[in-house]
N, C-alpha and C. Protein backbone atom coordinates (compact mmCIF):
# COMPACT_ATOMS: atom_id res chain seq x y z
N GLY A 1 -6.93 -4.95 11.08
CA GLY A 1 -7.76 -4.55 10.00
C GLY A 1 -8.26 -5.40 8.85
N VAL A 2 -9.23 -4.86 7.69
CA VAL A 2 -9.41 -5.84 6.73
C VAL A 2 -8.42 -5.81 5.62
N THR A 3 -8.00 -6.99 5.29
CA THR A 3 -6.97 -7.01 3.97
C THR A 3 -7.76 -7.35 2.71
N HIS A 4 -6.95 -7.23 1.69
CA HIS A 4 -7.40 -7.50 0.27
C HIS A 4 -6.27 -7.36 -0.67
N PRO A 5 -6.24 -8.23 -1.88
CA PRO A 5 -4.93 -8.16 -2.72
C PRO A 5 -4.98 -6.67 -3.12
N TRP A 6 -3.95 -6.10 -3.50
CA TRP A 6 -3.74 -4.91 -4.11
C TRP A 6 -4.78 -4.67 -5.47
N TYR A 7 -4.78 -5.58 -6.18
CA TYR A 7 -5.69 -5.53 -7.44
C TYR A 7 -7.15 -4.94 -7.26
N PHE A 8 -7.42 -4.82 -6.40
CA PHE A 8 -8.54 -4.88 -5.57
C PHE A 8 -8.93 -2.85 -5.57
N THR A 9 -7.62 -2.81 -5.40
CA THR A 9 -7.84 -0.98 -4.51
C THR A 9 -8.11 -0.29 -5.86
N ARG A 10 -8.85 0.90 -5.45
CA ARG A 10 -8.35 2.10 -6.62
C ARG A 10 -8.34 3.36 -5.55
N ASP A 11 -7.13 3.88 -5.79
CA ASP A 11 -6.99 4.50 -4.24
C ASP A 11 -6.17 6.13 -5.80
N THR A 12 -7.14 7.19 -5.13
CA THR A 12 -7.05 8.48 -6.36
C THR A 12 -5.16 9.04 -5.95
N ALA A 13 -4.93 8.59 -4.49
CA ALA A 13 -3.52 8.99 -4.25
C ALA A 13 -2.51 8.28 -4.88
N LYS A 14 -3.14 7.24 -5.43
CA LYS A 14 -1.83 6.24 -6.44
C LYS A 14 -2.10 6.19 -7.89
N TYR A 15 -3.09 6.85 -8.07
CA TYR A 15 -3.45 6.69 -9.81
C TYR A 15 -2.79 7.63 -10.44
N GLU A 16 -1.54 7.12 -11.52
CA GLU A 16 -0.49 8.21 -11.65
C GLU A 16 -1.38 9.47 -12.53
N PRO A 17 -1.88 9.06 -13.08
CA PRO A 17 -3.11 10.12 -14.19
C PRO A 17 -3.30 11.34 -13.01
N PHE A 18 -3.55 11.01 -11.75
CA PHE A 18 -3.95 12.06 -10.75
C PHE A 18 -3.39 12.63 -9.93
N MET A 19 -1.58 12.08 -10.39
CA MET A 19 -0.42 12.46 -9.42
C MET A 19 0.22 14.07 -10.34
N LYS A 20 0.92 14.49 -9.52
CA LYS A 20 1.72 15.86 -9.98
C LYS A 20 3.16 15.28 -9.89
N VAL A 21 4.24 15.96 -10.76
CA VAL A 21 5.73 15.81 -10.68
C VAL A 21 5.95 16.28 -9.25
N ASP A 22 6.96 15.50 -8.59
CA ASP A 22 7.54 16.18 -7.39
C ASP A 22 8.33 17.18 -7.51
N PRO A 23 7.97 18.41 -6.80
CA PRO A 23 8.97 19.21 -7.39
C PRO A 23 10.53 19.06 -6.35
N THR A 24 10.45 18.57 -5.28
CA THR A 24 11.47 17.99 -4.83
C THR A 24 13.04 17.21 -5.81
N GLY A 25 12.04 16.49 -6.40
CA GLY A 25 12.77 15.66 -7.68
C GLY A 25 13.11 14.39 -6.68
N GLU A 26 12.81 14.11 -5.29
CA GLU A 26 12.92 13.19 -4.58
C GLU A 26 12.06 11.82 -4.70
N LYS A 27 10.85 12.11 -6.03
CA LYS A 27 10.07 10.94 -6.40
C LYS A 27 9.64 11.51 -7.90
N ASP A 28 9.19 10.68 -8.59
CA ASP A 28 8.86 11.23 -10.02
C ASP A 28 8.00 11.87 -9.74
N PHE A 29 6.55 11.07 -8.85
CA PHE A 29 5.16 12.00 -8.96
C PHE A 29 4.86 11.88 -7.27
N ILE A 30 4.14 12.75 -6.96
CA ILE A 30 3.11 12.54 -5.53
C ILE A 30 1.84 13.05 -6.03
N PRO A 31 1.18 12.65 -4.84
CA PRO A 31 -0.28 12.71 -4.87
C PRO A 31 -0.59 13.75 -4.62
N LYS A 32 -1.82 14.26 -5.28
CA LYS A 32 -2.95 15.61 -5.60
C LYS A 32 -3.54 15.39 -4.20
N LYS A 33 -3.94 16.38 -3.71
CA LYS A 33 -5.02 16.30 -2.36
C LYS A 33 -6.65 15.92 -3.30
N LEU A 34 -7.20 15.26 -2.70
CA LEU A 34 -8.53 15.01 -3.00
C LEU A 34 -9.04 16.26 -3.38
N LYS A 35 -9.33 17.35 -2.68
CA LYS A 35 -9.91 18.58 -2.73
C LYS A 35 -9.48 19.05 -3.61
N VAL A 36 -8.41 18.78 -4.43
CA VAL A 36 -7.93 19.80 -5.69
C VAL A 36 -8.54 18.89 -6.79
N LEU A 37 -8.53 17.19 -6.52
CA LEU A 37 -8.52 16.58 -7.86
C LEU A 37 -10.73 16.81 -7.80
N ALA A 38 -11.00 17.10 -6.87
CA ALA A 38 -12.52 17.56 -7.09
C ALA A 38 -12.70 18.47 -7.83
N LYS A 39 -11.72 19.43 -7.46
CA LYS A 39 -12.48 20.80 -7.92
C LYS A 39 -12.05 20.67 -9.43
N ASP A 40 -10.38 20.15 -9.88
CA ASP A 40 -10.24 20.06 -11.28
C ASP A 40 -10.64 19.14 -12.02
N LYS A 41 -11.06 18.09 -11.63
CA LYS A 41 -11.85 16.70 -12.43
C LYS A 41 -13.63 16.97 -12.47
N LEU A 42 -13.89 17.39 -11.36
CA LEU A 42 -15.47 17.29 -11.17
C LEU A 42 -16.03 18.42 -11.22
N GLY A 43 -15.60 19.52 -10.53
CA GLY A 43 -15.78 20.91 -10.64
C GLY A 43 -16.51 20.91 -9.16
N LEU A 44 -16.18 19.89 -8.40
CA LEU A 44 -16.62 19.83 -6.91
C LEU A 44 -16.09 20.87 -5.88
N VAL A 45 -16.48 21.08 -4.92
CA VAL A 45 -15.94 22.19 -3.81
C VAL A 45 -16.18 21.19 -2.71
N ILE A 46 -15.07 20.55 -2.14
CA ILE A 46 -15.07 19.65 -0.66
C ILE A 46 -13.84 20.36 0.05
N GLN A 47 -14.16 20.18 1.13
CA GLN A 47 -13.05 20.21 2.40
C GLN A 47 -12.95 22.24 2.44
N GLU A 48 -14.03 22.66 2.30
CA GLU A 48 -13.49 24.60 2.58
C GLU A 48 -12.67 24.77 3.90
N ASP A 49 -12.07 25.63 3.50
CA ASP A 49 -11.41 26.11 4.68
C ASP A 49 -12.45 26.70 5.76
N GLY A 50 -11.96 26.06 6.92
CA GLY A 50 -12.98 26.74 8.14
C GLY A 50 -14.25 26.16 7.92
N VAL A 51 -14.20 25.34 7.33
CA VAL A 51 -15.50 24.07 7.73
C VAL A 51 -15.44 22.47 8.27
N PRO A 52 -16.27 22.27 9.19
CA PRO A 52 -15.52 20.84 9.52
C PRO A 52 -15.67 19.71 8.14
N HIS A 53 -14.65 18.86 8.43
CA HIS A 53 -14.15 18.05 7.03
C HIS A 53 -15.33 16.96 7.08
N CYS A 54 -15.93 16.54 6.40
CA CYS A 54 -16.92 15.62 5.92
C CYS A 54 -16.50 14.30 5.28
N PRO A 55 -16.46 13.08 6.06
CA PRO A 55 -16.07 12.15 5.10
C PRO A 55 -16.79 11.45 4.35
N LEU A 56 -18.00 12.06 4.00
CA LEU A 56 -19.31 11.39 3.00
C LEU A 56 -18.81 11.97 1.95
N GLU A 57 -18.89 13.01 2.22
CA GLU A 57 -18.51 14.33 0.84
C GLU A 57 -17.16 13.63 0.26
N ASP A 58 -15.97 13.67 1.18
CA ASP A 58 -14.78 12.86 0.40
C ASP A 58 -15.02 11.33 -0.13
N ALA A 59 -16.01 10.65 0.30
CA ALA A 59 -16.17 9.42 -0.44
C ALA A 59 -16.97 9.45 -1.67
N VAL A 60 -17.67 10.07 -1.65
CA VAL A 60 -18.37 10.71 -2.76
C VAL A 60 -17.56 11.42 -3.76
N ALA A 61 -16.71 12.22 -3.45
CA ALA A 61 -15.78 12.50 -4.47
C ALA A 61 -14.80 11.78 -5.14
N ALA A 62 -14.51 10.68 -4.03
CA ALA A 62 -13.59 9.45 -4.50
C ALA A 62 -14.02 8.60 -5.49
N LEU A 63 -15.51 8.49 -5.07
CA LEU A 63 -16.41 7.29 -6.14
C LEU A 63 -16.70 8.13 -7.52
N GLU A 64 -16.89 9.38 -7.77
CA GLU A 64 -16.90 10.08 -8.62
C GLU A 64 -16.27 9.97 -9.41
N LEU A 65 -14.73 10.29 -8.99
CA LEU A 65 -13.42 10.57 -9.71
C LEU A 65 -13.62 9.22 -10.61
N TYR A 66 -13.53 8.14 -9.61
CA TYR A 66 -13.36 6.97 -10.43
C TYR A 66 -14.24 6.40 -11.29
N LYS A 67 -15.47 6.94 -11.06
CA LYS A 67 -16.55 6.34 -12.44
C LYS A 67 -16.41 7.06 -13.39
N LYS A 68 -15.82 8.46 -13.18
CA LYS A 68 -15.78 9.18 -14.34
C LYS A 68 -14.41 8.66 -15.29
N HIS A 69 -13.30 8.53 -14.47
CA HIS A 69 -12.29 7.50 -15.17
C HIS A 69 -12.15 5.96 -15.45
N ARG A 70 -13.02 5.34 -15.03
CA ARG A 70 -13.21 4.13 -14.79
C ARG A 70 -12.49 3.17 -16.12
N THR A 71 -12.83 3.61 -17.04
CA THR A 71 -12.56 2.81 -18.42
C THR A 71 -11.10 2.82 -18.55
N LYS A 72 -10.30 3.86 -18.37
CA LYS A 72 -8.99 4.05 -18.67
C LYS A 72 -8.07 3.92 -17.25
N TRP A 73 -8.70 3.75 -16.27
CA TRP A 73 -8.19 3.37 -14.80
C TRP A 73 -8.25 1.73 -14.77
N GLU A 74 -9.37 1.11 -15.46
CA GLU A 74 -9.30 -0.40 -15.35
C GLU A 74 -8.20 -0.69 -16.40
N LYS A 75 -8.27 -0.21 -17.37
CA LYS A 75 -7.03 -0.69 -18.37
C LYS A 75 -6.13 -0.51 -17.60
N ALA A 76 -5.55 0.07 -17.11
CA ALA A 76 -4.05 0.71 -16.42
C ALA A 76 -3.74 -0.51 -15.60
N MET A 77 -5.07 -0.88 -14.70
CA MET A 77 -4.94 -1.96 -13.74
C MET A 77 -4.82 -3.33 -14.46
N SER A 78 -5.56 -3.58 -15.61
CA SER A 78 -5.47 -4.86 -16.31
C SER A 78 -3.75 -5.01 -16.51
N TYR A 79 -3.47 -3.84 -17.12
CA TYR A 79 -1.86 -4.28 -17.63
C TYR A 79 -0.82 -4.30 -16.15
N LYS A 80 -1.33 -3.79 -15.19
CA LYS A 80 -0.16 -3.77 -14.00
C LYS A 80 -0.48 -5.22 -13.66
N MET A 81 -1.84 -5.97 -13.72
CA MET A 81 -1.69 -7.19 -13.09
C MET A 81 -1.20 -8.53 -14.37
N GLU A 82 -1.37 -7.94 -15.37
CA GLU A 82 -0.36 -8.77 -16.85
C GLU A 82 0.89 -8.85 -16.08
N ARG A 83 1.29 -7.50 -16.31
CA ARG A 83 2.73 -7.37 -16.02
C ARG A 83 3.47 -8.09 -14.73
N THR A 84 2.40 -8.20 -13.55
CA THR A 84 2.83 -8.91 -12.27
C THR A 84 2.79 -10.41 -12.70
N LYS A 85 1.75 -11.35 -13.41
CA LYS A 85 1.70 -12.61 -13.68
C LYS A 85 2.89 -12.44 -14.36
N ALA A 86 3.41 -11.88 -15.63
CA ALA A 86 4.32 -12.37 -16.13
C ALA A 86 5.46 -12.33 -15.43
N ILE A 87 6.14 -11.43 -14.55
CA ILE A 87 6.99 -11.38 -13.91
C ILE A 87 7.06 -12.52 -12.81
N THR A 88 5.82 -12.68 -12.20
CA THR A 88 5.79 -14.08 -11.07
C THR A 88 5.94 -15.37 -11.83
N LYS A 89 5.84 -15.32 -12.96
CA LYS A 89 6.07 -16.78 -13.59
C LYS A 89 7.72 -17.19 -13.60
N CYS A 90 8.31 -16.27 -13.61
CA CYS A 90 9.76 -16.61 -13.75
C CYS A 90 10.29 -17.38 -12.53
């Protein structure tokens, strides 16, 4: 498969502001479904019950989520990259 450094990835399932508290308590947070994020954050209805799943629709929703939250998301990524650099210098 194709590989790339972690800091090039923008994953809606791993972006903490898009996650919810784990009701089981096993983890701090768990990902929300893309279907829920698209509805809550963009007002888009995707992955309707009884309708075939459309990967293009999912990709568009994920990209629109990123674009809408890009500034804050990139600040979080910059912070994580700086912390990683600081830790790996030791």
